[in-house]
Amino acid sequence: MNWHDRRPGDIKGILLMVAIFAAVAFVLALFPGLGKNTNFGFGPEWQCAPMAKGDPICVRLIAKDEAK
């Protein structure tokens, strides 16, 4: 694309892409934890730790009265 020979459609396309990227950046800045599943699909009674290689290791947390 020759930058000296821009057509109105080129400018509209560039502005549309800038607007889309700005909207995505705004949403990601507004909701920083969006898309992060810290329990890997388990409930709140589970604690999971990601491993560098392989699947995460998850341990079920028990209440103090359940341990006896």
PDB file of N, CA and C in Angstrom:
ATOM      1  N   MET A   1       0.855  -1.179   0.000  1.00  0.00           N
ATOM      2  CA  MET A   1       0.000   0.000   0.000  1.00  0.00           C
ATOM      3  C   MET A   1       0.894   1.233   0.000  1.00  0.00           C
ATOM      4  N   ASN A   2       0.675   2.095  -0.921  1.00  0.00           N
ATOM      5  CA  ASN A   2       1.423   3.333  -1.014  1.00  0.00           C
ATOM      6  C   ASN A   2       0.788   4.350  -0.069  1.00  0.00           C
ATOM      7  N   TRP A   3       1.554   4.845   0.869  1.00  0.00           N
ATOM      8  CA  TRP A   3       0.993   5.753   1.877  1.00  0.00           C
ATOM      9  C   TRP A   3       0.642   7.116   1.290  1.00  0.00           C
ATOM     10  N   HIS A   4       1.169   7.431   0.115  1.00  0.00           N
ATOM     11  CA  HIS A   4       0.840   8.709  -0.501  1.00  0.00           C
ATOM     12  C   HIS A   4      -0.452   8.622  -1.300  1.00  0.00           C
ATOM     13  N   ASP A   5      -0.951   7.420  -1.505  1.00  0.00           N
ATOM     14  CA  ASP A   5      -2.151   7.223  -2.311  1.00  0.00           C
ATOM     15  C   ASP A   5      -3.209   6.514  -1.467  1.00  0.00           C
ATOM     16  N   ARG A   6      -3.631   7.156  -0.396  1.00  0.00           N
ATOM     17  CA  ARG A   6      -4.656   6.559   0.468  1.00  0.00           C
ATOM     18  C   ARG A   6      -6.042   6.913  -0.046  1.00  0.00           C
ATOM     19  N   ARG A   7      -6.912   5.936   0.055  1.00  0.00           N
ATOM     20  CA  ARG A   7      -8.295   6.149  -0.330  1.00  0.00           C
ATOM     21  C   ARG A   7      -9.132   6.284   0.935  1.00  0.00           C
ATOM     22  N   PRO A   8     -10.334   6.816   0.852  1.00  0.00           N
ATOM     23  CA  PRO A   8     -11.179   6.951   2.045  1.00  0.00           C
ATOM     24  C   PRO A   8     -11.477   5.608   2.716  1.00  0.00           C
ATOM     25  N   GLY A   9     -11.573   4.547   1.942  1.00  0.00           N
ATOM     26  CA  GLY A   9     -11.815   3.225   2.516  1.00  0.00           C
ATOM     27  C   GLY A   9     -10.645   2.745   3.355  1.00  0.00           C
ATOM     28  N   ASP A  10      -9.422   3.091   2.929  1.00  0.00           N
ATOM     29  CA  ASP A  10      -8.237   2.720   3.702  1.00  0.00           C
ATOM     30  C   ASP A  10      -8.238   3.419   5.057  1.00  0.00           C
ATOM     31  N   ILE A  11      -8.555   4.690   5.057  1.00  0.00           N
ATOM     32  CA  ILE A  11      -8.565   5.466   6.301  1.00  0.00           C
ATOM     33  C   ILE A  11      -9.658   4.949   7.229  1.00  0.00           C
ATOM     34  N   LYS A  12     -10.828   4.632   6.687  1.00  0.00           N
ATOM     35  CA  LYS A  12     -11.915   4.090   7.513  1.00  0.00           C
ATOM     36  C   LYS A  12     -11.531   2.746   8.117  1.00  0.00           C
ATOM     37  N   GLY A  13     -10.864   1.900   7.338  1.00  0.00           N
ATOM     38  CA  GLY A  13     -10.420   0.602   7.851  1.00  0.00           C
ATOM     39  C   GLY A  13      -9.395   0.745   8.961  1.00  0.00           C
ATOM     40  N   ILE A  14      -8.454   1.665   8.779  1.00  0.00           N
ATOM     41  CA  ILE A  14      -7.442   1.903   9.813  1.00  0.00           C
ATOM     42  C   ILE A  14      -8.102   2.426  11.081  1.00  0.00           C
ATOM     43  N   LEU A  15      -9.018   3.367  10.947  1.00  0.00           N
ATOM     44  CA  LEU A  15      -9.706   3.912  12.124  1.00  0.00           C
ATOM     45  C   LEU A  15     -10.564   2.857  12.812  1.00  0.00           C
ATOM     46  N   LEU A  16     -11.178   1.971  12.035  1.00  0.00           N
ATOM     47  CA  LEU A  16     -11.974   0.894  12.618  1.00  0.00           C
ATOM     48  C   LEU A  16     -11.090  -0.048  13.434  1.00  0.00           C
ATOM     49  N   MET A  17      -9.940  -0.421  12.899  1.00  0.00           N
ATOM     50  CA  MET A  17      -9.028  -1.315  13.627  1.00  0.00           C
ATOM     51  C   MET A  17      -8.492  -0.647  14.892  1.00  0.00           C
ATOM     52  N   VAL A  18      -8.177   0.644  14.820  1.00  0.00           N
ATOM     53  CA  VAL A  18      -7.715   1.371  16.007  1.00  0.00           C
ATOM     54  C   VAL A  18      -8.815   1.385  17.064  1.00  0.00           C
ATOM     55  N   ALA A  19     -10.057   1.597  16.655  1.00  0.00           N
ATOM     56  CA  ALA A  19     -11.170   1.614  17.603  1.00  0.00           C
ATOM     57  C   ALA A  19     -11.378   0.239  18.236  1.00  0.00           C
ATOM     58  N   ILE A  20     -11.255  -0.829  17.458  1.00  0.00           N
ATOM     59  CA  ILE A  20     -11.429  -2.187  17.999  1.00  0.00           C
ATOM     60  C   ILE A  20     -10.328  -2.502  18.998  1.00  0.00           C
ATOM     61  N   PHE A  21      -9.079  -2.207  18.642  1.00  0.00           N
ATOM     62  CA  PHE A  21      -7.968  -2.466  19.567  1.00  0.00           C
ATOM     63  C   PHE A  21      -8.081  -1.620  20.830  1.00  0.00           C
ATOM     64  N   ALA A  22      -8.541  -0.375  20.700  1.00  0.00           N
ATOM     65  CA  ALA A  22      -8.720   0.480  21.873  1.00  0.00           C
ATOM     66  C   ALA A  22      -9.821  -0.069  22.777  1.00  0.00           C
ATOM     67  N   ALA A  23     -10.900  -0.581  22.194  1.00  0.00           N
ATOM     68  CA  ALA A  23     -11.985  -1.148  22.998  1.00  0.00           C
ATOM     69  C   ALA A  23     -11.525  -2.401  23.731  1.00  0.00           C
ATOM     70  N   VAL A  24     -10.772  -3.256  23.056  1.00  0.00           N
ATOM     71  CA  VAL A  24     -10.252  -4.469  23.704  1.00  0.00           C
ATOM     72  C   VAL A  24      -9.291  -4.099  24.825  1.00  0.00           C
ATOM     73  N   ALA A  25      -8.406  -3.139  24.589  1.00  0.00           N
ATOM     74  CA  ALA A  25      -7.463  -2.703  25.622  1.00  0.00           C
ATOM     75  C   ALA A  25      -8.200  -2.098  26.808  1.00  0.00           C
ATOM     76  N   PHE A  26      -9.272  -1.345  26.550  1.00  0.00           N
ATOM     77  CA  PHE A  26     -10.055  -0.744  27.630  1.00  0.00           C
ATOM     78  C   PHE A  26     -10.731  -1.813  28.477  1.00  0.00           C
ATOM     79  N   VAL A  27     -11.323  -2.816  27.843  1.00  0.00           N
ATOM     80  CA  VAL A  27     -11.989  -3.894  28.585  1.00  0.00           C
ATOM     81  C   VAL A  27     -10.978  -4.685  29.406  1.00  0.00           C
ATOM     82  N   LEU A  28      -9.820  -4.987  28.831  1.00  0.00           N
ATOM     83  CA  LEU A  28      -8.797  -5.727  29.572  1.00  0.00           C
ATOM     84  C   LEU A  28      -8.234  -4.905  30.729  1.00  0.00           C
ATOM     85  N   ALA A  29      -8.141  -3.593  30.572  1.00  0.00           N
ATOM     86  CA  ALA A  29      -7.676  -2.738  31.664  1.00  0.00           C
ATOM     87  C   ALA A  29      -8.737  -2.610  32.747  1.00  0.00           C
ATOM     88  N   LEU A  30     -10.003  -2.608  32.349  1.00  0.00           N
ATOM     89  CA  LEU A  30     -11.098  -2.466  33.305  1.00  0.00           C
ATOM     90  C   LEU A  30     -11.306  -3.746  34.106  1.00  0.00           C
ATOM     91  N   PHE A  31     -11.155  -4.897  33.472  1.00  0.00           N
ATOM     92  CA  PHE A  31     -11.320  -6.192  34.121  1.00  0.00           C
ATOM     93  C   PHE A  31     -10.029  -6.995  33.976  1.00  0.00           C
ATOM     94  N   PRO A  32      -9.027  -6.756  34.832  1.00  0.00           N
ATOM     95  CA  PRO A  32      -7.734  -7.427  34.648  1.00  0.00           C
ATOM     96  C   PRO A  32      -7.781  -8.931  34.863  1.00  0.00           C
ATOM     97  N   GLY A  33      -8.720  -9.450  35.652  1.00  0.00           N
ATOM     98  CA  GLY A  33      -8.791 -10.880  35.911  1.00  0.00           C
ATOM     99  C   GLY A  33      -9.672 -11.634  34.941  1.00  0.00           C
ATOM    100  N   LEU A  34     -10.107 -10.966  33.893  1.00  0.00           N
ATOM    101  CA  LEU A  34     -11.012 -11.584  32.931  1.00  0.00           C
ATOM    102  C   LEU A  34     -10.309 -12.716  32.194  1.00  0.00           C
ATOM    103  N   GLY A  35     -10.894 -13.891  32.255  1.00  0.00           N
ATOM    104  CA  GLY A  35     -10.314 -15.026  31.555  1.00  0.00           C
ATOM    105  C   GLY A  35      -9.387 -15.871  32.389  1.00  0.00           C
ATOM    106  N   LYS A  36      -9.115 -15.460  33.598  1.00  0.00           N
ATOM    107  CA  LYS A  36      -8.238 -16.252  34.459  1.00  0.00           C
ATOM    108  C   LYS A  36      -9.099 -17.142  35.351  1.00  0.00           C
ATOM    109  N   ASN A  37      -8.917 -18.425  35.244  1.00  0.00           N
ATOM    110  CA  ASN A  37      -9.635 -19.382  36.078  1.00  0.00           C
ATOM    111  C   ASN A  37      -8.627 -19.983  37.041  1.00  0.00           C
ATOM    112  N   THR A  38      -8.546 -19.431  38.252  1.00  0.00           N
ATOM    113  CA  THR A  38      -7.495 -19.835  39.178  1.00  0.00           C
ATOM    114  C   THR A  38      -7.723 -21.220  39.760  1.00  0.00           C
ATOM    115  N   ASN A  39      -8.955 -21.720  39.773  1.00  0.00           N
ATOM    116  CA  ASN A  39      -9.226 -23.043  40.335  1.00  0.00           C
ATOM    117  C   ASN A  39      -9.351 -24.113  39.262  1.00  0.00           C
ATOM    118  N   PHE A  40      -9.102 -23.776  38.022  1.00  0.00           N
ATOM    119  CA  PHE A  40      -9.112 -24.739  36.924  1.00  0.00           C
ATOM    120  C   PHE A  40     -10.423 -25.518  36.851  1.00  0.00           C
ATOM    121  N   GLY A  41     -11.535 -24.864  37.167  1.00  0.00           N
ATOM    122  CA  GLY A  41     -12.837 -25.501  37.062  1.00  0.00           C
ATOM    123  C   GLY A  41     -13.338 -26.138  38.340  1.00  0.00           C
ATOM    124  N   PHE A  42     -12.523 -26.160  39.388  1.00  0.00           N
ATOM    125  CA  PHE A  42     -12.955 -26.722  40.665  1.00  0.00           C
ATOM    126  C   PHE A  42     -13.636 -25.641  41.492  1.00  0.00           C
ATOM    127  N   GLY A  43     -14.312 -26.039  42.572  1.00  0.00           N
ATOM    128  CA  GLY A  43     -15.007 -25.103  43.433  1.00  0.00           C
ATOM    129  C   GLY A  43     -14.078 -24.383  44.394  1.00  0.00           C
ATOM    130  N   PRO A  44     -14.653 -23.543  45.256  1.00  0.00           N
ATOM    131  CA  PRO A  44     -13.833 -22.764  46.192  1.00  0.00           C
ATOM    132  C   PRO A  44     -13.172 -23.605  47.274  1.00  0.00           C
ATOM    133  N   GLU A  45     -13.620 -24.846  47.470  1.00  0.00           N
ATOM    134  CA  GLU A  45     -13.016 -25.702  48.497  1.00  0.00           C
ATOM    135  C   GLU A  45     -11.738 -26.376  48.002  1.00  0.00           C
ATOM    136  N   TRP A  46     -11.314 -26.052  46.791  1.00  0.00           N
ATOM    137  CA  TRP A  46     -10.094 -26.614  46.214  1.00  0.00           C
ATOM    138  C   TRP A  46      -9.046 -25.520  46.068  1.00  0.00           C
ATOM    139  N   GLN A  47      -7.792 -25.896  46.255  1.00  0.00           N
ATOM    140  CA  GLN A  47      -6.678 -24.985  46.020  1.00  0.00           C
ATOM    141  C   GLN A  47      -5.785 -25.626  44.960  1.00  0.00           C
ATOM    142  N   CYS A  48      -5.588 -24.914  43.859  1.00  0.00           N
ATOM    143  CA  CYS A  48      -4.825 -25.463  42.739  1.00  0.00           C
ATOM    144  C   CYS A  48      -3.567 -24.637  42.501  1.00  0.00           C
ATOM    145  N   ALA A  49      -2.511 -25.322  42.114  1.00  0.00           N
ATOM    146  CA  ALA A  49      -1.244 -24.668  41.793  1.00  0.00           C
ATOM    147  C   ALA A  49      -0.820 -25.108  40.394  1.00  0.00           C
ATOM    148  N   PRO A  50      -0.564 -24.147  39.501  1.00  0.00           N
ATOM    149  CA  PRO A  50      -0.124 -24.525  38.154  1.00  0.00           C
ATOM    150  C   PRO A  50       1.315 -25.028  38.174  1.00  0.00           C
ATOM    151  N   MET A  51       1.584 -26.006  37.344  1.00  0.00           N
ATOM    152  CA  MET A  51       2.934 -26.553  37.217  1.00  0.00           C
ATOM    153  C   MET A  51       3.557 -26.046  35.914  1.00  0.00           C
ATOM    154  N   ALA A  52       4.867 -25.918  35.903  1.00  0.00           N
ATOM    155  CA  ALA A  52       5.552 -25.435  34.697  1.00  0.00           C
ATOM    156  C   ALA A  52       5.327 -26.389  33.527  1.00  0.00           C
ATOM    157  N   LYS A  53       5.381 -27.675  33.799  1.00  0.00           N
ATOM    158  CA  LYS A  53       5.116 -28.682  32.768  1.00  0.00           C
ATOM    159  C   LYS A  53       4.048 -29.623  33.300  1.00  0.00           C
ATOM    160  N   GLY A  54       3.024 -29.843  32.527  1.00  0.00           N
ATOM    161  CA  GLY A  54       1.977 -30.771  32.936  1.00  0.00           C
ATOM    162  C   GLY A  54       0.760 -30.071  33.503  1.00  0.00           C
ATOM    163  N   ASP A  55      -0.121 -30.891  34.046  1.00  0.00           N
ATOM    164  CA  ASP A  55      -1.376 -30.402  34.592  1.00  0.00           C
ATOM    165  C   ASP A  55      -1.172 -29.785  35.968  1.00  0.00           C
ATOM    166  N   PRO A  56      -2.135 -28.931  36.401  1.00  0.00           N
ATOM    167  CA  PRO A  56      -2.024 -28.351  37.737  1.00  0.00           C
ATOM    168  C   PRO A  56      -2.279 -29.401  38.817  1.00  0.00           C
ATOM    169  N   ILE A  57      -1.766 -29.135  39.999  1.00  0.00           N
ATOM    170  CA  ILE A  57      -2.003 -30.008  41.148  1.00  0.00           C
ATOM    171  C   ILE A  57      -3.035 -29.320  42.027  1.00  0.00           C
ATOM    172  N   CYS A  58      -4.129 -30.030  42.327  1.00  0.00           N
ATOM    173  CA  CYS A  58      -5.214 -29.474  43.127  1.00  0.00           C
ATOM    174  C   CYS A  58      -5.378 -30.289  44.404  1.00  0.00           C
ATOM    175  N   VAL A  59      -5.576 -29.578  45.505  1.00  0.00           N
ATOM    176  CA  VAL A  59      -5.752 -30.200  46.811  1.00  0.00           C
ATOM    177  C   VAL A  59      -7.063 -29.694  47.385  1.00  0.00           C
ATOM    178  N   ARG A  60      -7.868 -30.608  47.918  1.00  0.00           N
ATOM    179  CA  ARG A  60      -9.149 -30.222  48.512  1.00  0.00           C
ATOM    180  C   ARG A  60      -8.909 -29.748  49.934  1.00  0.00           C
ATOM    181  N   LEU A  61      -9.378 -28.537  50.216  1.00  0.00           N
ATOM    182  CA  LEU A  61      -9.245 -27.976  51.550  1.00  0.00           C
ATOM    183  C   LEU A  61     -10.359 -28.533  52.432  1.00  0.00           C
ATOM    184  N   ILE A  62     -10.041 -28.894  53.665  1.00  0.00           N
ATOM    185  CA  ILE A  62     -11.052 -29.416  54.582  1.00  0.00           C
ATOM    186  C   ILE A  62     -11.150 -28.490  55.779  1.00  0.00           C
ATOM    187  N   ALA A  63     -12.317 -28.445  56.368  1.00  0.00           N
ATOM    188  CA  ALA A  63     -12.527 -27.633  57.566  1.00  0.00           C
ATOM    189  C   ALA A  63     -11.894 -28.332  58.764  1.00  0.00           C
ATOM    190  N   LYS A  64     -11.654 -27.562  59.820  1.00  0.00           N
ATOM    191  CA  LYS A  64     -10.999 -28.128  61.002  1.00  0.00           C
ATOM    192  C   LYS A  64     -11.843 -29.223  61.647  1.00  0.00           C
ATOM    193  N   ASP A  65     -13.161 -29.078  61.631  1.00  0.00           N
ATOM    194  CA  ASP A  65     -14.016 -30.102  62.242  1.00  0.00           C
ATOM    195  C   ASP A  65     -14.109 -31.361  61.374  1.00  0.00           C
ATOM    196  N   GLU A  66     -13.806 -31.281  60.080  1.00  0.00           N
ATOM    197  CA  GLU A  66     -13.814 -32.455  59.209  1.00  0.00           C
ATOM    198  C   GLU A  66     -12.566 -33.307  59.394  1.00  0.00           C
ATOM    199  N   ALA A  67     -11.499 -32.735  59.886  1.00  0.00           N
ATOM    200  CA  ALA A  67     -10.234 -33.452  60.000  1.00  0.00           C
ATOM    201  C   ALA A  67     -10.279 -34.529  61.079  1.00  0.00           C
ATOM    202  N   LYS A  68     -11.170 -34.412  62.027  1.00  0.00           N
ATOM    203  CA  LYS A  68     -11.217 -35.379  63.136  1.00  0.00           C
ATOM    204  C   LYS A  68     -12.082 -36.561  62.817  1.00  0.00           C
TER     205      LYS A  68
END
